[in-house]
Amino acid sequence: MNTYPYDPSLDWVIESPNGEFVASCLIWYDEVNKVGLLEPVGTNSGFRRMGLASSVSKLALNALSEKGAKTAVVVCTSPDACELYKSIGFEQFAQTKSFHRLK
């Protein structure tokens, strides 16, 4: 939270009725380029497949838009994450390939 450009207004959580954090989304905003990076986005394993990651991401994206952002980006690291981001309107723009050398 002490790291620039952390902005608490772009840090969103959803709580269960008993106050447990069950989903969260943080956006790092680059004000110069008007771009936000969603990272991390997550849901407690006991609350998955309920639309909570989608909801918390949309709330954070709305707050990002209110800050003046024109673009938001994500990095997909799993098929489930990619499906989540596609379901809330993200489109694939680039692809990263990782290489390693065998011994």
N, C-alpha and C. Protein backbone atom coordinates (compact mmCIF):
# COMPACT_ATOMS: atom_id res chain seq x y z
N MET A 1 0.82 -1.20 0.00
CA MET A 1 0.00 0.00 0.00
C MET A 1 0.86 1.26 0.00
N ASN A 2 2.13 1.12 0.33
CA ASN A 2 3.03 2.27 0.31
C ASN A 2 3.77 2.41 -1.02
N THR A 3 3.42 1.57 -1.99
CA THR A 3 4.10 1.58 -3.28
C THR A 3 3.37 2.49 -4.26
N TYR A 4 4.12 3.40 -4.89
CA TYR A 4 3.54 4.23 -5.93
C TYR A 4 3.28 3.35 -7.14
N PRO A 5 2.18 3.44 -7.84
CA PRO A 5 1.09 4.40 -7.72
C PRO A 5 -0.16 3.83 -7.06
N TYR A 6 0.01 3.10 -5.95
CA TYR A 6 -1.15 2.53 -5.26
C TYR A 6 -2.19 3.61 -4.96
N ASP A 7 -3.44 3.30 -5.28
CA ASP A 7 -4.55 4.22 -5.05
C ASP A 7 -5.67 3.43 -4.38
N PRO A 8 -5.97 3.69 -3.12
CA PRO A 8 -6.98 2.89 -2.42
C PRO A 8 -8.36 2.96 -3.05
N SER A 9 -8.65 3.98 -3.84
CA SER A 9 -9.97 4.05 -4.49
C SER A 9 -10.08 3.05 -5.64
N LEU A 10 -8.96 2.43 -6.02
CA LEU A 10 -8.98 1.42 -7.08
C LEU A 10 -8.72 0.01 -6.53
N ASP A 11 -8.87 -0.14 -5.24
CA ASP A 11 -8.68 -1.41 -4.54
C ASP A 11 -10.06 -1.84 -4.04
N TRP A 12 -10.64 -2.86 -4.67
CA TRP A 12 -12.02 -3.23 -4.40
C TRP A 12 -12.10 -4.65 -3.84
N VAL A 13 -13.04 -4.86 -2.90
CA VAL A 13 -13.29 -6.19 -2.35
C VAL A 13 -14.80 -6.40 -2.23
N ILE A 14 -15.17 -7.66 -2.24
CA ILE A 14 -16.54 -8.07 -1.92
C ILE A 14 -16.44 -8.92 -0.68
N GLU A 15 -17.31 -8.63 0.29
CA GLU A 15 -17.34 -9.37 1.55
C GLU A 15 -18.55 -10.29 1.60
N SER A 16 -18.38 -11.42 2.28
CA SER A 16 -19.51 -12.31 2.55
C SER A 16 -20.37 -11.67 3.64
N PRO A 17 -21.56 -12.20 3.88
CA PRO A 17 -22.40 -11.64 4.95
C PRO A 17 -21.72 -11.61 6.32
N ASN A 18 -20.75 -12.50 6.56
CA ASN A 18 -20.06 -12.50 7.86
C ASN A 18 -18.80 -11.65 7.87
N GLY A 19 -18.56 -10.89 6.77
CA GLY A 19 -17.43 -9.96 6.74
C GLY A 19 -16.15 -10.51 6.16
N GLU A 20 -16.17 -11.76 5.69
CA GLU A 20 -14.98 -12.37 5.09
C GLU A 20 -14.77 -11.82 3.68
N PHE A 21 -13.53 -11.44 3.35
CA PHE A 21 -13.22 -11.01 1.98
C PHE A 21 -13.30 -12.23 1.07
N VAL A 22 -14.16 -12.17 0.04
CA VAL A 22 -14.34 -13.33 -0.84
C VAL A 22 -13.90 -13.07 -2.27
N ALA A 23 -13.78 -11.82 -2.68
CA ALA A 23 -13.29 -11.49 -4.02
C ALA A 23 -12.63 -10.11 -3.96
N SER A 24 -11.61 -9.94 -4.79
CA SER A 24 -10.91 -8.66 -4.78
C SER A 24 -10.34 -8.35 -6.16
N CYS A 25 -10.15 -7.06 -6.39
CA CYS A 25 -9.53 -6.57 -7.62
C CYS A 25 -8.82 -5.27 -7.29
N LEU A 26 -7.58 -5.19 -7.71
CA LEU A 26 -6.78 -3.98 -7.55
C LEU A 26 -6.36 -3.50 -8.93
N ILE A 27 -6.46 -2.21 -9.15
CA ILE A 27 -6.02 -1.63 -10.42
C ILE A 27 -4.88 -0.66 -10.14
N TRP A 28 -3.82 -0.82 -10.90
CA TRP A 28 -2.68 0.10 -10.87
C TRP A 28 -2.87 1.06 -12.03
N TYR A 29 -2.96 2.35 -11.73
CA TYR A 29 -3.30 3.34 -12.75
C TYR A 29 -2.11 4.20 -13.13
N ASP A 30 -1.83 4.27 -14.42
CA ASP A 30 -0.82 5.14 -14.99
C ASP A 30 -1.54 6.39 -15.50
N GLU A 31 -1.51 7.46 -14.72
CA GLU A 31 -2.24 8.68 -15.06
C GLU A 31 -1.73 9.34 -16.33
N VAL A 32 -0.43 9.25 -16.59
CA VAL A 32 0.16 9.89 -17.78
C VAL A 32 -0.40 9.27 -19.05
N ASN A 33 -0.43 7.94 -19.11
CA ASN A 33 -0.89 7.24 -20.30
C ASN A 33 -2.37 6.86 -20.25
N LYS A 34 -3.02 7.15 -19.12
CA LYS A 34 -4.44 6.86 -18.94
C LYS A 34 -4.76 5.38 -19.10
N VAL A 35 -3.88 4.52 -18.51
CA VAL A 35 -4.02 3.07 -18.61
C VAL A 35 -4.03 2.47 -17.21
N GLY A 36 -4.93 1.51 -17.00
CA GLY A 36 -4.97 0.79 -15.74
C GLY A 36 -4.67 -0.68 -15.95
N LEU A 37 -3.96 -1.28 -15.01
CA LEU A 37 -3.65 -2.71 -15.03
C LEU A 37 -4.40 -3.38 -13.89
N LEU A 38 -5.28 -4.33 -14.22
CA LEU A 38 -5.97 -5.12 -13.20
C LEU A 38 -5.01 -6.18 -12.73
N GLU A 39 -4.64 -6.11 -11.45
CA GLU A 39 -3.69 -7.08 -10.94
C GLU A 39 -3.45 -6.83 -9.46
N PRO A 40 -3.81 -7.72 -8.61
CA PRO A 40 -4.40 -9.04 -8.86
C PRO A 40 -5.93 -9.01 -8.80
N VAL A 41 -6.52 -10.02 -9.39
CA VAL A 41 -7.96 -10.29 -9.29
C VAL A 41 -8.07 -11.69 -8.70
N GLY A 42 -8.92 -11.85 -7.71
CA GLY A 42 -9.03 -13.18 -7.11
C GLY A 42 -10.33 -13.41 -6.38
N THR A 43 -10.66 -14.68 -6.21
CA THR A 43 -11.86 -15.10 -5.48
C THR A 43 -11.50 -16.24 -4.55
N ASN A 44 -11.97 -16.17 -3.33
CA ASN A 44 -11.81 -17.25 -2.36
C ASN A 44 -12.37 -18.53 -2.97
N SER A 45 -11.66 -19.64 -2.83
CA SER A 45 -12.05 -20.90 -3.48
C SER A 45 -13.47 -21.35 -3.12
N GLY A 46 -13.95 -21.04 -1.96
CA GLY A 46 -15.30 -21.43 -1.56
C GLY A 46 -16.40 -20.59 -2.19
N PHE A 47 -16.03 -19.54 -2.92
CA PHE A 47 -17.01 -18.63 -3.49
C PHE A 47 -16.87 -18.49 -5.01
N ARG A 48 -16.16 -19.40 -5.63
CA ARG A 48 -15.96 -19.32 -7.08
C ARG A 48 -17.21 -19.73 -7.83
N ARG A 49 -17.26 -19.30 -9.09
CA ARG A 49 -18.36 -19.61 -10.03
C ARG A 49 -19.67 -18.96 -9.59
N MET A 50 -19.57 -17.82 -8.89
CA MET A 50 -20.75 -17.07 -8.46
C MET A 50 -20.80 -15.69 -9.09
N GLY A 51 -19.84 -15.38 -9.97
CA GLY A 51 -19.80 -14.07 -10.63
C GLY A 51 -19.15 -12.98 -9.80
N LEU A 52 -18.50 -13.34 -8.70
CA LEU A 52 -17.93 -12.32 -7.82
C LEU A 52 -16.68 -11.67 -8.40
N ALA A 53 -15.82 -12.43 -9.05
CA ALA A 53 -14.63 -11.84 -9.68
C ALA A 53 -15.04 -10.88 -10.78
N SER A 54 -16.04 -11.25 -11.53
CA SER A 54 -16.58 -10.38 -12.57
C SER A 54 -17.14 -9.09 -11.96
N SER A 55 -17.93 -9.24 -10.92
CA SER A 55 -18.54 -8.06 -10.28
C SER A 55 -17.51 -7.12 -9.69
N VAL A 56 -16.55 -7.66 -8.95
CA VAL A 56 -15.55 -6.80 -8.31
C VAL A 56 -14.68 -6.13 -9.37
N SER A 57 -14.39 -6.84 -10.47
CA SER A 57 -13.60 -6.24 -11.56
C SER A 57 -14.36 -5.10 -12.23
N LYS A 58 -15.65 -5.29 -12.44
CA LYS A 58 -16.47 -4.23 -13.05
C LYS A 58 -16.54 -3.00 -12.16
N LEU A 59 -16.67 -3.20 -10.85
CA LEU A 59 -16.67 -2.07 -9.92
C LEU A 59 -15.36 -1.30 -10.00
N ALA A 60 -14.25 -2.04 -10.01
CA ALA A 60 -12.94 -1.40 -10.10
C ALA A 60 -12.77 -0.69 -11.44
N LEU A 61 -13.23 -1.30 -12.52
CA LEU A 61 -13.12 -0.67 -13.85
C LEU A 61 -13.95 0.61 -13.93
N ASN A 62 -15.11 0.61 -13.31
CA ASN A 62 -15.93 1.84 -13.27
C ASN A 62 -15.20 2.95 -12.53
N ALA A 63 -14.57 2.62 -11.42
CA ALA A 63 -13.80 3.61 -10.66
C ALA A 63 -12.61 4.10 -11.49
N LEU A 64 -11.98 3.20 -12.23
CA LEU A 64 -10.87 3.57 -13.10
C LEU A 64 -11.33 4.55 -14.17
N SER A 65 -12.47 4.28 -14.77
CA SER A 65 -13.02 5.18 -15.79
C SER A 65 -13.30 6.56 -15.22
N GLU A 66 -13.80 6.60 -13.99
CA GLU A 66 -14.07 7.88 -13.34
C GLU A 66 -12.79 8.68 -13.10
N LYS A 67 -11.66 7.99 -13.00
CA LYS A 67 -10.36 8.66 -12.83
C LYS A 67 -9.86 9.25 -14.14
N GLY A 68 -10.49 8.86 -15.27
CA GLY A 68 -10.08 9.38 -16.57
C GLY A 68 -9.35 8.40 -17.45
N ALA A 69 -9.26 7.14 -17.05
CA ALA A 69 -8.57 6.13 -17.85
C ALA A 69 -9.28 5.90 -19.17
N LYS A 70 -8.51 5.63 -20.19
CA LYS A 70 -9.04 5.32 -21.52
C LYS A 70 -8.87 3.85 -21.86
N THR A 71 -7.95 3.17 -21.17
CA THR A 71 -7.63 1.77 -21.48
C THR A 71 -7.39 1.01 -20.19
N ALA A 72 -7.77 -0.27 -20.19
CA ALA A 72 -7.44 -1.18 -19.10
C ALA A 72 -6.84 -2.43 -19.71
N VAL A 73 -5.86 -2.99 -19.02
CA VAL A 73 -5.20 -4.20 -19.50
C VAL A 73 -5.13 -5.24 -18.38
N VAL A 74 -5.03 -6.50 -18.81
CA VAL A 74 -4.86 -7.62 -17.89
C VAL A 74 -3.80 -8.54 -18.48
N VAL A 75 -3.27 -9.40 -17.66
CA VAL A 75 -2.35 -10.44 -18.11
C VAL A 75 -2.99 -11.77 -17.75
N CYS A 76 -3.31 -12.57 -18.76
CA CYS A 76 -3.92 -13.88 -18.53
C CYS A 76 -2.85 -14.91 -18.26
N THR A 77 -3.00 -15.63 -17.17
CA THR A 77 -2.04 -16.68 -16.85
C THR A 77 -2.69 -18.06 -16.81
N SER A 78 -3.99 -18.13 -17.05
CA SER A 78 -4.68 -19.42 -17.07
C SER A 78 -5.92 -19.31 -17.95
N PRO A 79 -6.40 -20.43 -18.48
CA PRO A 79 -7.62 -20.40 -19.29
C PRO A 79 -8.82 -19.82 -18.53
N ASP A 80 -8.95 -20.13 -17.23
CA ASP A 80 -10.07 -19.59 -16.45
C ASP A 80 -9.99 -18.08 -16.35
N ALA A 81 -8.79 -17.55 -16.12
CA ALA A 81 -8.63 -16.10 -16.04
C ALA A 81 -8.97 -15.45 -17.38
N CYS A 82 -8.53 -16.05 -18.46
CA CYS A 82 -8.82 -15.49 -19.79
C CYS A 82 -10.32 -15.47 -20.04
N GLU A 83 -11.02 -16.52 -19.65
CA GLU A 83 -12.48 -16.56 -19.82
C GLU A 83 -13.16 -15.47 -19.00
N LEU A 84 -12.68 -15.26 -17.77
CA LEU A 84 -13.24 -14.19 -16.93
C LEU A 84 -13.09 -12.86 -17.64
N TYR A 85 -11.88 -12.55 -18.09
CA TYR A 85 -11.64 -11.25 -18.71
C TYR A 85 -12.43 -11.08 -20.00
N LYS A 86 -12.55 -12.13 -20.79
CA LYS A 86 -13.36 -12.06 -22.01
C LYS A 86 -14.82 -11.79 -21.65
N SER A 87 -15.30 -12.39 -20.56
CA SER A 87 -16.71 -12.24 -20.18
C SER A 87 -17.06 -10.82 -19.75
N ILE A 88 -16.05 -10.03 -19.38
CA ILE A 88 -16.34 -8.64 -18.99
C ILE A 88 -15.86 -7.64 -20.04
N GLY A 89 -15.57 -8.15 -21.24
CA GLY A 89 -15.33 -7.25 -22.36
C GLY A 89 -13.90 -7.09 -22.84
N PHE A 90 -12.95 -7.77 -22.22
CA PHE A 90 -11.57 -7.66 -22.71
C PHE A 90 -11.40 -8.48 -23.98
N GLU A 91 -10.54 -8.01 -24.86
CA GLU A 91 -10.21 -8.72 -26.08
C GLU A 91 -8.71 -8.95 -26.11
N GLN A 92 -8.30 -10.09 -26.70
CA GLN A 92 -6.88 -10.38 -26.78
C GLN A 92 -6.21 -9.36 -27.69
N PHE A 93 -5.11 -8.81 -27.20
CA PHE A 93 -4.35 -7.80 -27.94
C PHE A 93 -2.97 -8.31 -28.30
N ALA A 94 -2.35 -9.00 -27.37
CA ALA A 94 -0.99 -9.51 -27.58
C ALA A 94 -0.86 -10.84 -26.85
N GLN A 95 0.18 -11.56 -27.18
CA GLN A 95 0.42 -12.84 -26.56
C GLN A 95 1.90 -12.92 -26.19
N THR A 96 2.16 -13.41 -25.00
CA THR A 96 3.53 -13.59 -24.55
C THR A 96 3.87 -15.07 -24.58
N LYS A 97 5.02 -15.38 -25.13
CA LYS A 97 5.50 -16.76 -25.15
C LYS A 97 6.71 -16.86 -24.23
N SER A 98 6.74 -17.89 -23.42
CA SER A 98 7.88 -18.12 -22.53
C SER A 98 8.72 -19.26 -23.09
N PHE A 99 10.02 -19.10 -23.04
CA PHE A 99 10.93 -20.12 -23.52
C PHE A 99 11.90 -20.46 -22.39
N HIS A 100 12.32 -21.69 -22.38
CA HIS A 100 13.37 -22.09 -21.46
C HIS A 100 14.28 -23.10 -22.15
N ARG A 101 15.47 -23.19 -21.70
CA ARG A 101 16.44 -24.08 -22.30
C ARG A 101 16.50 -25.37 -21.51
N LEU A 102 16.44 -26.49 -22.19
CA LEU A 102 16.54 -27.78 -21.54
C LEU A 102 17.98 -28.07 -21.19
N LYS A 103 18.19 -28.74 -20.10
CA LYS A 103 19.57 -29.07 -19.68
C LYS A 103 20.12 -30.22 -20.46
